[in-house]
Amino acid sequence: MSECKLNHSHEEVKNKFESQAAFLPEDMKELFNQFFLKEHTQELLNEVFHLLKKYDLAPSEEKNERNNRLYMVLKNV
């Protein structure tokens, strides 16, 4: 996954989630709903955005890695 220097807003992260939701594990969706109810640091918003970016095109091994990181983030906020 490439890193970029752009800061992504709460709304951009939410839009990215909505565009990728059909490809995410079903049990992760409620965690995202809880995530969007809170304020988060810019660093965390950027990380979640990049984990979601092109999720649907990622090979399954990479999806597993992204899922693991997303679960860690979403369960600890």
PDB file of N, CA and C in Angstrom:
ATOM      1  N   MET A   1       0.841  -1.177   0.000  1.00  0.00           N
ATOM      2  CA  MET A   1       0.000   0.000   0.000  1.00  0.00           C
ATOM      3  C   MET A   1       0.882   1.235   0.000  1.00  0.00           C
ATOM      4  N   SER A   2       0.552   2.156  -0.820  1.00  0.00           N
ATOM      5  CA  SER A   2       1.347   3.374  -0.862  1.00  0.00           C
ATOM      6  C   SER A   2       0.823   4.365   0.159  1.00  0.00           C
ATOM      7  N   GLU A   3       1.730   5.138   0.699  1.00  0.00           N
ATOM      8  CA  GLU A   3       1.356   6.185   1.638  1.00  0.00           C
ATOM      9  C   GLU A   3       1.313   7.507   0.886  1.00  0.00           C
ATOM     10  N   CYS A   4       0.412   8.369   1.257  1.00  0.00           N
ATOM     11  CA  CYS A   4       0.390   9.692   0.655  1.00  0.00           C
ATOM     12  C   CYS A   4       0.387  10.723   1.767  1.00  0.00           C
ATOM     13  N   LYS A   5       0.666  11.927   1.413  1.00  0.00           N
ATOM     14  CA  LYS A   5       0.796  12.996   2.403  1.00  0.00           C
ATOM     15  C   LYS A   5      -0.483  13.811   2.560  1.00  0.00           C
ATOM     16  N   LEU A   6      -1.557  13.419   1.885  1.00  0.00           N
ATOM     17  CA  LEU A   6      -2.821  14.147   1.998  1.00  0.00           C
ATOM     18  C   LEU A   6      -3.515  13.806   3.311  1.00  0.00           C
ATOM     19  N   ASN A   7      -4.141  14.797   3.903  1.00  0.00           N
ATOM     20  CA  ASN A   7      -4.968  14.555   5.071  1.00  0.00           C
ATOM     21  C   ASN A   7      -6.401  14.324   4.611  1.00  0.00           C
ATOM     22  N   HIS A   8      -6.995  13.282   5.141  1.00  0.00           N
ATOM     23  CA  HIS A   8      -8.354  12.907   4.744  1.00  0.00           C
ATOM     24  C   HIS A   8      -9.320  13.256   5.869  1.00  0.00           C
ATOM     25  N   SER A   9     -10.415  13.879   5.497  1.00  0.00           N
ATOM     26  CA  SER A   9     -11.424  14.295   6.477  1.00  0.00           C
ATOM     27  C   SER A   9     -12.261  13.100   6.923  1.00  0.00           C
ATOM     28  N   HIS A  10     -12.978  13.322   8.012  1.00  0.00           N
ATOM     29  CA  HIS A  10     -13.927  12.325   8.523  1.00  0.00           C
ATOM     30  C   HIS A  10     -14.895  11.932   7.405  1.00  0.00           C
ATOM     31  N   GLU A  11     -15.379  12.931   6.676  1.00  0.00           N
ATOM     32  CA  GLU A  11     -16.343  12.687   5.589  1.00  0.00           C
ATOM     33  C   GLU A  11     -15.719  11.863   4.458  1.00  0.00           C
ATOM     34  N   GLU A  12     -14.482  12.139   4.119  1.00  0.00           N
ATOM     35  CA  GLU A  12     -13.803  11.369   3.067  1.00  0.00           C
ATOM     36  C   GLU A  12     -13.624   9.909   3.479  1.00  0.00           C
ATOM     37  N   VAL A  13     -13.282   9.702   4.743  1.00  0.00           N
ATOM     38  CA  VAL A  13     -13.123   8.330   5.237  1.00  0.00           C
ATOM     39  C   VAL A  13     -14.474   7.617   5.196  1.00  0.00           C
ATOM     40  N   LYS A  14     -15.519   8.310   5.600  1.00  0.00           N
ATOM     41  CA  LYS A  14     -16.860   7.718   5.582  1.00  0.00           C
ATOM     42  C   LYS A  14     -17.282   7.375   4.149  1.00  0.00           C
ATOM     43  N   ASN A  15     -17.011   8.269   3.223  1.00  0.00           N
ATOM     44  CA  ASN A  15     -17.343   7.999   1.817  1.00  0.00           C
ATOM     45  C   ASN A  15     -16.557   6.815   1.277  1.00  0.00           C
ATOM     46  N   LYS A  16     -15.284   6.724   1.649  1.00  0.00           N
ATOM     47  CA  LYS A  16     -14.462   5.597   1.204  1.00  0.00           C
ATOM     48  C   LYS A  16     -15.001   4.298   1.791  1.00  0.00           C
ATOM     49  N   PHE A  17     -15.389   4.326   3.065  1.00  0.00           N
ATOM     50  CA  PHE A  17     -15.994   3.147   3.679  1.00  0.00           C
ATOM     51  C   PHE A  17     -17.253   2.737   2.917  1.00  0.00           C
ATOM     52  N   GLU A  18     -18.112   3.686   2.619  1.00  0.00           N
ATOM     53  CA  GLU A  18     -19.369   3.371   1.928  1.00  0.00           C
ATOM     54  C   GLU A  18     -19.111   2.772   0.547  1.00  0.00           C
ATOM     55  N   SER A  19     -18.058   3.233  -0.111  1.00  0.00           N
ATOM     56  CA  SER A  19     -17.757   2.694  -1.444  1.00  0.00           C
ATOM     57  C   SER A  19     -17.161   1.288  -1.385  1.00  0.00           C
ATOM     58  N   GLN A  20     -16.603   0.918  -0.234  1.00  0.00           N
ATOM     59  CA  GLN A  20     -15.954  -0.389  -0.093  1.00  0.00           C
ATOM     60  C   GLN A  20     -16.741  -1.347   0.806  1.00  0.00           C
ATOM     61  N   ALA A  21     -17.816  -0.892   1.404  1.00  0.00           N
ATOM     62  CA  ALA A  21     -18.551  -1.674   2.405  1.00  0.00           C
ATOM     63  C   ALA A  21     -18.979  -3.048   1.894  1.00  0.00           C
ATOM     64  N   ALA A  22     -19.356  -3.140   0.645  1.00  0.00           N
ATOM     65  CA  ALA A  22     -19.819  -4.421   0.100  1.00  0.00           C
ATOM     66  C   ALA A  22     -18.710  -5.467   0.082  1.00  0.00           C
ATOM     67  N   PHE A  23     -17.462  -5.036   0.145  1.00  0.00           N
ATOM     68  CA  PHE A  23     -16.321  -5.952   0.061  1.00  0.00           C
ATOM     69  C   PHE A  23     -15.732  -6.293   1.424  1.00  0.00           C
ATOM     70  N   LEU A  24     -16.179  -5.597   2.462  1.00  0.00           N
ATOM     71  CA  LEU A  24     -15.642  -5.786   3.812  1.00  0.00           C
ATOM     72  C   LEU A  24     -16.375  -6.910   4.540  1.00  0.00           C
ATOM     73  N   PRO A  25     -15.718  -7.532   5.532  1.00  0.00           N
ATOM     74  CA  PRO A  25     -16.418  -8.535   6.348  1.00  0.00           C
ATOM     75  C   PRO A  25     -17.655  -7.922   7.004  1.00  0.00           C
ATOM     76  N   GLU A  26     -18.708  -8.683   7.054  1.00  0.00           N
ATOM     77  CA  GLU A  26     -19.989  -8.189   7.563  1.00  0.00           C
ATOM     78  C   GLU A  26     -19.882  -7.666   8.992  1.00  0.00           C
ATOM     79  N   ASP A  27     -19.140  -8.372   9.853  1.00  0.00           N
ATOM     80  CA  ASP A  27     -19.052  -7.965  11.258  1.00  0.00           C
ATOM     81  C   ASP A  27     -18.240  -6.682  11.454  1.00  0.00           C
ATOM     82  N   MET A  28     -17.510  -6.258  10.445  1.00  0.00           N
ATOM     83  CA  MET A  28     -16.720  -5.033  10.541  1.00  0.00           C
ATOM     84  C   MET A  28     -17.589  -3.789  10.360  1.00  0.00           C
ATOM     85  N   LYS A  29     -18.710  -3.936   9.716  1.00  0.00           N
ATOM     86  CA  LYS A  29     -19.545  -2.783   9.385  1.00  0.00           C
ATOM     87  C   LYS A  29     -20.083  -2.075  10.634  1.00  0.00           C
ATOM     88  N   GLU A  30     -20.497  -2.831  11.637  1.00  0.00           N
ATOM     89  CA  GLU A  30     -20.984  -2.211  12.876  1.00  0.00           C
ATOM     90  C   GLU A  30     -19.850  -1.498  13.602  1.00  0.00           C
ATOM     91  N   LEU A  31     -18.647  -2.054  13.537  1.00  0.00           N
ATOM     92  CA  LEU A  31     -17.492  -1.385  14.138  1.00  0.00           C
ATOM     93  C   LEU A  31     -17.247  -0.034  13.466  1.00  0.00           C
ATOM     94  N   PHE A  32     -17.421   0.011  12.159  1.00  0.00           N
ATOM     95  CA  PHE A  32     -17.276   1.286  11.448  1.00  0.00           C
ATOM     96  C   PHE A  32     -18.373   2.258  11.859  1.00  0.00           C
ATOM     97  N   ASN A  33     -19.584   1.782  12.034  1.00  0.00           N
ATOM     98  CA  ASN A  33     -20.665   2.665  12.474  1.00  0.00           C
ATOM     99  C   ASN A  33     -20.304   3.327  13.810  1.00  0.00           C
ATOM    100  N   GLN A  34     -19.725   2.555  14.724  1.00  0.00           N
ATOM    101  CA  GLN A  34     -19.289   3.096  16.011  1.00  0.00           C
ATOM    102  C   GLN A  34     -18.118   4.064  15.826  1.00  0.00           C
ATOM    103  N   PHE A  35     -17.208   3.730  14.937  1.00  0.00           N
ATOM    104  CA  PHE A  35     -16.045   4.559  14.646  1.00  0.00           C
ATOM    105  C   PHE A  35     -16.476   5.950  14.193  1.00  0.00           C
ATOM    106  N   PHE A  36     -17.479   6.010  13.336  1.00  0.00           N
ATOM    107  CA  PHE A  36     -17.905   7.293  12.764  1.00  0.00           C
ATOM    108  C   PHE A  36     -18.692   8.167  13.751  1.00  0.00           C
ATOM    109  N   LEU A  37     -19.035   7.626  14.898  1.00  0.00           N
ATOM    110  CA  LEU A  37     -19.723   8.424  15.917  1.00  0.00           C
ATOM    111  C   LEU A  37     -18.754   9.260  16.751  1.00  0.00           C
ATOM    112  N   LYS A  38     -17.454   8.999  16.606  1.00  0.00           N
ATOM    113  CA  LYS A  38     -16.443   9.661  17.439  1.00  0.00           C
ATOM    114  C   LYS A  38     -15.512  10.519  16.598  1.00  0.00           C
ATOM    115  N   GLU A  39     -14.805  11.393  17.289  1.00  0.00           N
ATOM    116  CA  GLU A  39     -13.753  12.189  16.656  1.00  0.00           C
ATOM    117  C   GLU A  39     -12.455  11.384  16.713  1.00  0.00           C
ATOM    118  N   HIS A  40     -11.611  11.557  15.691  1.00  0.00           N
ATOM    119  CA  HIS A  40     -10.351  10.825  15.637  1.00  0.00           C
ATOM    120  C   HIS A  40      -9.219  11.741  15.197  1.00  0.00           C
ATOM    121  N   THR A  41      -8.007  11.326  15.525  1.00  0.00           N
ATOM    122  CA  THR A  41      -6.844  12.102  15.110  1.00  0.00           C
ATOM    123  C   THR A  41      -6.709  12.044  13.600  1.00  0.00           C
ATOM    124  N   GLN A  42      -6.020  13.035  13.067  1.00  0.00           N
ATOM    125  CA  GLN A  42      -5.771  13.066  11.627  1.00  0.00           C
ATOM    126  C   GLN A  42      -4.989  11.835  11.190  1.00  0.00           C
ATOM    127  N   GLU A  43      -4.040  11.429  11.999  1.00  0.00           N
ATOM    128  CA  GLU A  43      -3.224  10.256  11.681  1.00  0.00           C
ATOM    129  C   GLU A  43      -4.082   9.003  11.554  1.00  0.00           C
ATOM    130  N   LEU A  44      -5.019   8.830  12.464  1.00  0.00           N
ATOM    131  CA  LEU A  44      -5.899   7.659  12.426  1.00  0.00           C
ATOM    132  C   LEU A  44      -6.841   7.717  11.225  1.00  0.00           C
ATOM    133  N   LEU A  45      -7.393   8.881  10.944  1.00  0.00           N
ATOM    134  CA  LEU A  45      -8.265   9.019   9.770  1.00  0.00           C
ATOM    135  C   LEU A  45      -7.499   8.668   8.493  1.00  0.00           C
ATOM    136  N   ASN A  46      -6.274   9.155   8.387  1.00  0.00           N
ATOM    137  CA  ASN A  46      -5.463   8.860   7.201  1.00  0.00           C
ATOM    138  C   ASN A  46      -5.188   7.366   7.087  1.00  0.00           C
ATOM    139  N   GLU A  47      -4.865   6.734   8.207  1.00  0.00           N
ATOM    140  CA  GLU A  47      -4.567   5.300   8.181  1.00  0.00           C
ATOM    141  C   GLU A  47      -5.779   4.492   7.732  1.00  0.00           C
ATOM    142  N   VAL A  48      -6.938   4.788   8.294  1.00  0.00           N
ATOM    143  CA  VAL A  48      -8.156   4.044   7.934  1.00  0.00           C
ATOM    144  C   VAL A  48      -8.493   4.282   6.469  1.00  0.00           C
ATOM    145  N   PHE A  49      -8.356   5.511   6.014  1.00  0.00           N
ATOM    146  CA  PHE A  49      -8.625   5.803   4.602  1.00  0.00           C
ATOM    147  C   PHE A  49      -7.754   4.926   3.705  1.00  0.00           C
ATOM    148  N   HIS A  50      -6.469   4.840   4.022  1.00  0.00           N
ATOM    149  CA  HIS A  50      -5.560   4.084   3.163  1.00  0.00           C
ATOM    150  C   HIS A  50      -5.755   2.576   3.278  1.00  0.00           C
ATOM    151  N   LEU A  51      -6.237   2.111   4.411  1.00  0.00           N
ATOM    152  CA  LEU A  51      -6.579   0.695   4.528  1.00  0.00           C
ATOM    153  C   LEU A  51      -7.803   0.360   3.676  1.00  0.00           C
ATOM    154  N   LEU A  52      -8.698   1.312   3.526  1.00  0.00           N
ATOM    155  CA  LEU A  52      -9.908   1.108   2.718  1.00  0.00           C
ATOM    156  C   LEU A  52      -9.675   1.352   1.229  1.00  0.00           C
ATOM    157  N   LYS A  53      -8.698   2.193   0.917  1.00  0.00           N
ATOM    158  CA  LYS A  53      -8.460   2.583  -0.478  1.00  0.00           C
ATOM    159  C   LYS A  53      -8.147   1.355  -1.333  1.00  0.00           C
ATOM    160  N   LYS A  54      -8.919   1.191  -2.403  1.00  0.00           N
ATOM    161  CA  LYS A  54      -8.770   0.073  -3.341  1.00  0.00           C
ATOM    162  C   LYS A  54      -8.799  -1.293  -2.646  1.00  0.00           C
ATOM    163  N   TYR A  55      -9.526  -1.366  -1.524  1.00  0.00           N
ATOM    164  CA  TYR A  55      -9.673  -2.625  -0.789  1.00  0.00           C
ATOM    165  C   TYR A  55     -10.199  -3.724  -1.708  1.00  0.00           C
ATOM    166  N   ASP A  56     -11.184  -3.372  -2.522  1.00  0.00           N
ATOM    167  CA  ASP A  56     -11.822  -4.348  -3.406  1.00  0.00           C
ATOM    168  C   ASP A  56     -10.850  -4.954  -4.417  1.00  0.00           C
ATOM    169  N   LEU A  57      -9.764  -4.251  -4.736  1.00  0.00           N
ATOM    170  CA  LEU A  57      -8.805  -4.729  -5.738  1.00  0.00           C
ATOM    171  C   LEU A  57      -7.610  -5.455  -5.122  1.00  0.00           C
ATOM    172  N   ALA A  58      -7.514  -5.451  -3.812  1.00  0.00           N
ATOM    173  CA  ALA A  58      -6.359  -6.051  -3.143  1.00  0.00           C
ATOM    174  C   ALA A  58      -6.423  -7.570  -3.209  1.00  0.00           C
ATOM    175  N   PRO A  59      -5.255  -8.227  -3.368  1.00  0.00           N
ATOM    176  CA  PRO A  59      -5.219  -9.697  -3.304  1.00  0.00           C
ATOM    177  C   PRO A  59      -5.662 -10.168  -1.916  1.00  0.00           C
ATOM    178  N   SER A  60      -6.129 -11.403  -1.811  1.00  0.00           N
ATOM    179  CA  SER A  60      -6.709 -11.861  -0.548  1.00  0.00           C
ATOM    180  C   SER A  60      -5.721 -11.826   0.610  1.00  0.00           C
ATOM    181  N   GLU A  61      -4.455 -12.068   0.384  1.00  0.00           N
ATOM    182  CA  GLU A  61      -3.481 -11.996   1.477  1.00  0.00           C
ATOM    183  C   GLU A  61      -3.382 -10.559   2.009  1.00  0.00           C
ATOM    184  N   GLU A  62      -3.390  -9.609   1.095  1.00  0.00           N
ATOM    185  CA  GLU A  62      -3.345  -8.202   1.515  1.00  0.00           C
ATOM    186  C   GLU A  62      -4.636  -7.805   2.223  1.00  0.00           C
ATOM    187  N   LYS A  63      -5.768  -8.322   1.754  1.00  0.00           N
ATOM    188  CA  LYS A  63      -7.039  -8.040   2.431  1.00  0.00           C
ATOM    189  C   LYS A  63      -6.992  -8.550   3.867  1.00  0.00           C
ATOM    190  N   ASN A  64      -6.428  -9.734   4.060  1.00  0.00           N
ATOM    191  CA  ASN A  64      -6.317 -10.280   5.415  1.00  0.00           C
ATOM    192  C   ASN A  64      -5.484  -9.366   6.298  1.00  0.00           C
ATOM    193  N   GLU A  65      -4.385  -8.850   5.773  1.00  0.00           N
ATOM    194  CA  GLU A  65      -3.540  -7.924   6.527  1.00  0.00           C
ATOM    195  C   GLU A  65      -4.301  -6.639   6.847  1.00  0.00           C
ATOM    196  N   ARG A  66      -5.008  -6.125   5.855  1.00  0.00           N
ATOM    197  CA  ARG A  66      -5.792  -4.901   6.075  1.00  0.00           C
ATOM    198  C   ARG A  66      -6.885  -5.150   7.100  1.00  0.00           C
ATOM    199  N   ASN A  67      -7.565  -6.302   6.991  1.00  0.00           N
ATOM    200  CA  ASN A  67      -8.621  -6.636   7.954  1.00  0.00           C
ATOM    201  C   ASN A  67      -8.067  -6.673   9.370  1.00  0.00           C
ATOM    202  N   ASN A  68      -6.922  -7.323   9.541  1.00  0.00           N
ATOM    203  CA  ASN A  68      -6.325  -7.414  10.877  1.00  0.00           C
ATOM    204  C   ASN A  68      -6.057  -6.027  11.443  1.00  0.00           C
ATOM    205  N   ARG A  69      -5.501  -5.150  10.637  1.00  0.00           N
ATOM    206  CA  ARG A  69      -5.193  -3.795  11.094  1.00  0.00           C
ATOM    207  C   ARG A  69      -6.482  -3.013  11.366  1.00  0.00           C
ATOM    208  N   LEU A  70      -7.467  -3.147  10.486  1.00  0.00           N
ATOM    209  CA  LEU A  70      -8.737  -2.456  10.698  1.00  0.00           C
ATOM    210  C   LEU A  70      -9.416  -2.925  11.982  1.00  0.00           C
ATOM    211  N   TYR A  71      -9.417  -4.229  12.234  1.00  0.00           N
ATOM    212  CA  TYR A  71     -10.015  -4.726  13.476  1.00  0.00           C
ATOM    213  C   TYR A  71      -9.292  -4.161  14.681  1.00  0.00           C
ATOM    214  N   MET A  72      -7.949  -4.102  14.633  1.00  0.00           N
ATOM    215  CA  MET A  72      -7.194  -3.541  15.755  1.00  0.00           C
ATOM    216  C   MET A  72      -7.586  -2.091  15.991  1.00  0.00           C
ATOM    217  N   VAL A  73      -7.677  -1.319  14.924  1.00  0.00           N
ATOM    218  CA  VAL A  73      -8.023   0.096  15.044  1.00  0.00           C
ATOM    219  C   VAL A  73      -9.464   0.260  15.534  1.00  0.00           C
ATOM    220  N   LEU A  74     -10.390  -0.425  14.907  1.00  0.00           N
ATOM    221  CA  LEU A  74     -11.805  -0.228  15.181  1.00  0.00           C
ATOM    222  C   LEU A  74     -12.210  -0.721  16.575  1.00  0.00           C
ATOM    223  N   LYS A  75     -11.553  -1.737  17.076  1.00  0.00           N
ATOM    224  CA  LYS A  75     -11.909  -2.272  18.394  1.00  0.00           C
ATOM    225  C   LYS A  75     -11.247  -1.498  19.522  1.00  0.00           C
ATOM    226  N   ASN A  76     -10.309  -0.629  19.202  1.00  0.00           N
ATOM    227  CA  ASN A  76      -9.571   0.095  20.243  1.00  0.00           C
ATOM    228  C   ASN A  76      -9.820   1.594  20.226  1.00  0.00           C
ATOM    229  N   VAL A  77     -10.884   2.028  19.573  1.00  0.00           N
ATOM    230  CA  VAL A  77     -11.184   3.472  19.573  1.00  0.00           C
ATOM    231  C   VAL A  77     -12.440   3.747  20.364  1.00  0.00           C
TER     232      VAL A  77
END
